[in-house]
Amino acid sequence: MKKARLLIAVLVCSVMMLGIGYAWWNDTLTVSGTVETGKFDVNFIRT
């Protein structure tokens, strides 16, 4: 039982460290771009 608790604690700490490392690495990422809208012309034709 003690080994299982220790294993769970180690796994939780490992996942936390992975999250912190990813957040620190991802913090310097800059994304820039341009978004443009187009025209939407609708014509109704009688048939």
PDB file of N, CA and C in Angstrom:
ATOM      1  N   MET A   1       0.824  -1.195   0.000  1.00  0.00           N
ATOM      2  CA  MET A   1       0.000   0.000   0.000  1.00  0.00           C
ATOM      3  C   MET A   1       0.867   1.259   0.000  1.00  0.00           C
ATOM      4  N   LYS A   2       1.967   1.199   0.758  1.00  0.00           N
ATOM      5  CA  LYS A   2       2.858   2.349   0.828  1.00  0.00           C
ATOM      6  C   LYS A   2       3.545   2.600  -0.510  1.00  0.00           C
ATOM      7  N   LYS A   3       3.893   1.517  -1.194  1.00  0.00           N
ATOM      8  CA  LYS A   3       4.550   1.649  -2.494  1.00  0.00           C
ATOM      9  C   LYS A   3       3.601   2.242  -3.530  1.00  0.00           C
ATOM     10  N   ALA A   4       2.334   1.883  -3.449  1.00  0.00           N
ATOM     11  CA  ALA A   4       1.346   2.411  -4.400  1.00  0.00           C
ATOM     12  C   ALA A   4       1.171   3.918  -4.209  1.00  0.00           C
ATOM     13  N   ARG A   5       1.112   4.352  -2.962  1.00  0.00           N
ATOM     14  CA  ARG A   5       0.984   5.795  -2.687  1.00  0.00           C
ATOM     15  C   ARG A   5       2.207   6.559  -3.170  1.00  0.00           C
ATOM     16  N   LEU A   6       3.375   5.981  -2.952  1.00  0.00           N
ATOM     17  CA  LEU A   6       4.607   6.622  -3.406  1.00  0.00           C
ATOM     18  C   LEU A   6       4.637   6.710  -4.931  1.00  0.00           C
ATOM     19  N   LEU A   7       4.218   5.646  -5.596  1.00  0.00           N
ATOM     20  CA  LEU A   7       4.185   5.637  -7.054  1.00  0.00           C
ATOM     21  C   LEU A   7       3.206   6.684  -7.585  1.00  0.00           C
ATOM     22  N   ILE A   8       2.046   6.786  -6.973  1.00  0.00           N
ATOM     23  CA  ILE A   8       1.056   7.790  -7.395  1.00  0.00           C
ATOM     24  C   ILE A   8       1.605   9.196  -7.180  1.00  0.00           C
ATOM     25  N   ALA A   9       2.262   9.430  -6.047  1.00  0.00           N
ATOM     26  CA  ALA A   9       2.832  10.749  -5.772  1.00  0.00           C
ATOM     27  C   ALA A   9       3.915  11.100  -6.787  1.00  0.00           C
ATOM     28  N   VAL A  10       4.743  10.138  -7.139  1.00  0.00           N
ATOM     29  CA  VAL A  10       5.798  10.381  -8.126  1.00  0.00           C
ATOM     30  C   VAL A  10       5.193  10.672  -9.491  1.00  0.00           C
ATOM     31  N   LEU A  11       4.163   9.927  -9.877  1.00  0.00           N
ATOM     32  CA  LEU A  11       3.509  10.164 -11.163  1.00  0.00           C
ATOM     33  C   LEU A  11       2.846  11.538 -11.214  1.00  0.00           C
ATOM     34  N   VAL A  12       2.186  11.930 -10.132  1.00  0.00           N
ATOM     35  CA  VAL A  12       1.547  13.247 -10.089  1.00  0.00           C
ATOM     36  C   VAL A  12       2.592  14.350 -10.197  1.00  0.00           C
ATOM     37  N   CYS A  13       3.688  14.217  -9.476  1.00  0.00           N
ATOM     38  CA  CYS A  13       4.753  15.224  -9.550  1.00  0.00           C
ATOM     39  C   CYS A  13       5.373  15.269 -10.944  1.00  0.00           C
ATOM     40  N   SER A  14       5.512  14.122 -11.581  1.00  0.00           N
ATOM     41  CA  SER A  14       6.074  14.088 -12.934  1.00  0.00           C
ATOM     42  C   SER A  14       5.171  14.808 -13.923  1.00  0.00           C
ATOM     43  N   VAL A  15       3.874  14.569 -13.830  1.00  0.00           N
ATOM     44  CA  VAL A  15       2.932  15.243 -14.730  1.00  0.00           C
ATOM     45  C   VAL A  15       2.928  16.747 -14.468  1.00  0.00           C
ATOM     46  N   MET A  16       3.027  17.141 -13.198  1.00  0.00           N
ATOM     47  CA  MET A  16       3.088  18.571 -12.875  1.00  0.00           C
ATOM     48  C   MET A  16       4.337  19.211 -13.467  1.00  0.00           C
ATOM     49  N   MET A  17       5.463  18.533 -13.372  1.00  0.00           N
ATOM     50  CA  MET A  17       6.703  19.074 -13.921  1.00  0.00           C
ATOM     51  C   MET A  17       6.641  19.160 -15.440  1.00  0.00           C
ATOM     52  N   LEU A  18       6.014  18.184 -16.086  1.00  0.00           N
ATOM     53  CA  LEU A  18       5.836  18.251 -17.536  1.00  0.00           C
ATOM     54  C   LEU A  18       4.980  19.452 -17.919  1.00  0.00           C
ATOM     55  N   GLY A  19       3.922  19.696 -17.170  1.00  0.00           N
ATOM     56  CA  GLY A  19       3.058  20.841 -17.443  1.00  0.00           C
ATOM     57  C   GLY A  19       3.785  22.160 -17.255  1.00  0.00           C
ATOM     58  N   ILE A  20       4.575  22.260 -16.207  1.00  0.00           N
ATOM     59  CA  ILE A  20       5.335  23.488 -15.960  1.00  0.00           C
ATOM     60  C   ILE A  20       6.367  23.703 -17.058  1.00  0.00           C
ATOM     61  N   GLY A  21       7.044  22.653 -17.460  1.00  0.00           N
ATOM     62  CA  GLY A  21       8.034  22.769 -18.536  1.00  0.00           C
ATOM     63  C   GLY A  21       7.401  23.161 -19.857  1.00  0.00           C
ATOM     64  N   TYR A  22       6.266  22.571 -20.163  1.00  0.00           N
ATOM     65  CA  TYR A  22       5.576  22.915 -21.414  1.00  0.00           C
ATOM     66  C   TYR A  22       5.087  24.357 -21.382  1.00  0.00           C
ATOM     67  N   ALA A  23       4.548  24.800 -20.257  1.00  0.00           N
ATOM     68  CA  ALA A  23       4.082  26.182 -20.144  1.00  0.00           C
ATOM     69  C   ALA A  23       5.248  27.156 -20.279  1.00  0.00           C
ATOM     70  N   TRP A  24       6.381  26.834 -19.701  1.00  0.00           N
ATOM     71  CA  TRP A  24       7.549  27.714 -19.792  1.00  0.00           C
ATOM     72  C   TRP A  24       8.067  27.753 -21.222  1.00  0.00           C
ATOM     73  N   TRP A  25       8.092  26.612 -21.901  1.00  0.00           N
ATOM     74  CA  TRP A  25       8.557  26.550 -23.286  1.00  0.00           C
ATOM     75  C   TRP A  25       7.581  27.258 -24.204  1.00  0.00           C
ATOM     76  N   ASN A  26       6.304  27.131 -23.958  1.00  0.00           N
ATOM     77  CA  ASN A  26       5.267  27.688 -24.811  1.00  0.00           C
ATOM     78  C   ASN A  26       5.065  29.180 -24.549  1.00  0.00           C
ATOM     79  N   ASP A  27       5.597  29.707 -23.467  1.00  0.00           N
ATOM     80  CA  ASP A  27       5.390  31.102 -23.087  1.00  0.00           C
ATOM     81  C   ASP A  27       6.005  32.059 -24.099  1.00  0.00           C
ATOM     82  N   THR A  28       7.063  31.674 -24.773  1.00  0.00           N
ATOM     83  CA  THR A  28       7.742  32.571 -25.697  1.00  0.00           C
ATOM     84  C   THR A  28       7.250  32.427 -27.135  1.00  0.00           C
ATOM     85  N   LEU A  29       6.220  31.639 -27.353  1.00  0.00           N
ATOM     86  CA  LEU A  29       5.694  31.423 -28.695  1.00  0.00           C
ATOM     87  C   LEU A  29       4.818  32.599 -29.106  1.00  0.00           C
ATOM     88  N   THR A  30       5.109  33.193 -30.269  1.00  0.00           N
ATOM     89  CA  THR A  30       4.334  34.309 -30.791  1.00  0.00           C
ATOM     90  C   THR A  30       3.747  33.917 -32.138  1.00  0.00           C
ATOM     91  N   VAL A  31       2.459  34.129 -32.270  1.00  0.00           N
ATOM     92  CA  VAL A  31       1.774  33.806 -33.517  1.00  0.00           C
ATOM     93  C   VAL A  31       1.174  35.091 -34.063  1.00  0.00           C
ATOM     94  N   SER A  32       1.484  35.399 -35.324  1.00  0.00           N
ATOM     95  CA  SER A  32       0.897  36.584 -35.947  1.00  0.00           C
ATOM     96  C   SER A  32       0.358  36.191 -37.306  1.00  0.00           C
ATOM     97  N   GLY A  33      -0.675  36.891 -37.727  1.00  0.00           N
ATOM     98  CA  GLY A  33      -1.288  36.569 -39.009  1.00  0.00           C
ATOM     99  C   GLY A  33      -2.265  37.654 -39.417  1.00  0.00           C
ATOM    100  N   THR A  34      -2.844  37.482 -40.581  1.00  0.00           N
ATOM    101  CA  THR A  34      -3.801  38.440 -41.111  1.00  0.00           C
ATOM    102  C   THR A  34      -5.093  37.709 -41.448  1.00  0.00           C
ATOM    103  N   VAL A  35      -6.191  38.323 -41.073  1.00  0.00           N
ATOM    104  CA  VAL A  35      -7.499  37.755 -41.379  1.00  0.00           C
ATOM    105  C   VAL A  35      -8.272  38.779 -42.186  1.00  0.00           C
ATOM    106  N   GLU A  36      -8.800  38.348 -43.307  1.00  0.00           N
ATOM    107  CA  GLU A  36      -9.600  39.238 -44.140  1.00  0.00           C
ATOM    108  C   GLU A  36     -10.962  38.609 -44.380  1.00  0.00           C
ATOM    109  N   THR A  37     -11.973  39.461 -44.495  1.00  0.00           N
ATOM    110  CA  THR A  37     -13.306  38.963 -44.807  1.00  0.00           C
ATOM    111  C   THR A  37     -13.591  39.208 -46.273  1.00  0.00           C
ATOM    112  N   GLY A  38     -14.404  38.395 -46.837  1.00  0.00           N
ATOM    113  CA  GLY A  38     -14.743  38.533 -48.250  1.00  0.00           C
ATOM    114  C   GLY A  38     -16.143  39.097 -48.420  1.00  0.00           C
ATOM    115  N   LYS A  39     -16.547  39.235 -49.651  1.00  0.00           N
ATOM    116  CA  LYS A  39     -17.887  39.729 -49.955  1.00  0.00           C
ATOM    117  C   LYS A  39     -18.798  38.539 -50.220  1.00  0.00           C
ATOM    118  N   PHE A  40     -20.022  38.685 -49.813  1.00  0.00           N
ATOM    119  CA  PHE A  40     -21.020  37.650 -50.038  1.00  0.00           C
ATOM    120  C   PHE A  40     -22.190  38.312 -50.747  1.00  0.00           C
ATOM    121  N   ASP A  41     -22.287  38.108 -52.041  1.00  0.00           N
ATOM    122  CA  ASP A  41     -23.310  38.756 -52.864  1.00  0.00           C
ATOM    123  C   ASP A  41     -24.376  37.726 -53.224  1.00  0.00           C
ATOM    124  N   VAL A  42     -25.601  37.985 -52.791  1.00  0.00           N
ATOM    125  CA  VAL A  42     -26.697  37.054 -53.038  1.00  0.00           C
ATOM    126  C   VAL A  42     -27.653  37.680 -54.038  1.00  0.00           C
ATOM    127  N   ASN A  43     -27.988  36.939 -55.070  1.00  0.00           N
ATOM    128  CA  ASN A  43     -28.965  37.383 -56.069  1.00  0.00           C
ATOM    129  C   ASN A  43     -30.134  36.408 -56.076  1.00  0.00           C
ATOM    130  N   PHE A  44     -31.358  36.951 -56.086  1.00  0.00           N
ATOM    131  CA  PHE A  44     -32.551  36.126 -56.172  1.00  0.00           C
ATOM    132  C   PHE A  44     -33.087  36.205 -57.598  1.00  0.00           C
ATOM    133  N   ILE A  45     -33.342  35.065 -58.190  1.00  0.00           N
ATOM    134  CA  ILE A  45     -33.834  35.003 -59.567  1.00  0.00           C
ATOM    135  C   ILE A  45     -35.201  34.326 -59.554  1.00  0.00           C
ATOM    136  N   ARG A  46     -36.187  34.963 -60.214  1.00  0.00           N
ATOM    137  CA  ARG A  46     -37.515  34.348 -60.325  1.00  0.00           C
ATOM    138  C   ARG A  46     -37.501  33.312 -61.425  1.00  0.00           C
ATOM    139  N   THR A  47     -38.100  32.189 -61.145  1.00  0.00           N
ATOM    140  CA  THR A  47     -38.185  31.139 -62.167  1.00  0.00           C
ATOM    141  C   THR A  47     -39.622  30.820 -62.486  1.00  0.00           C
TER     142      THR A  47
END
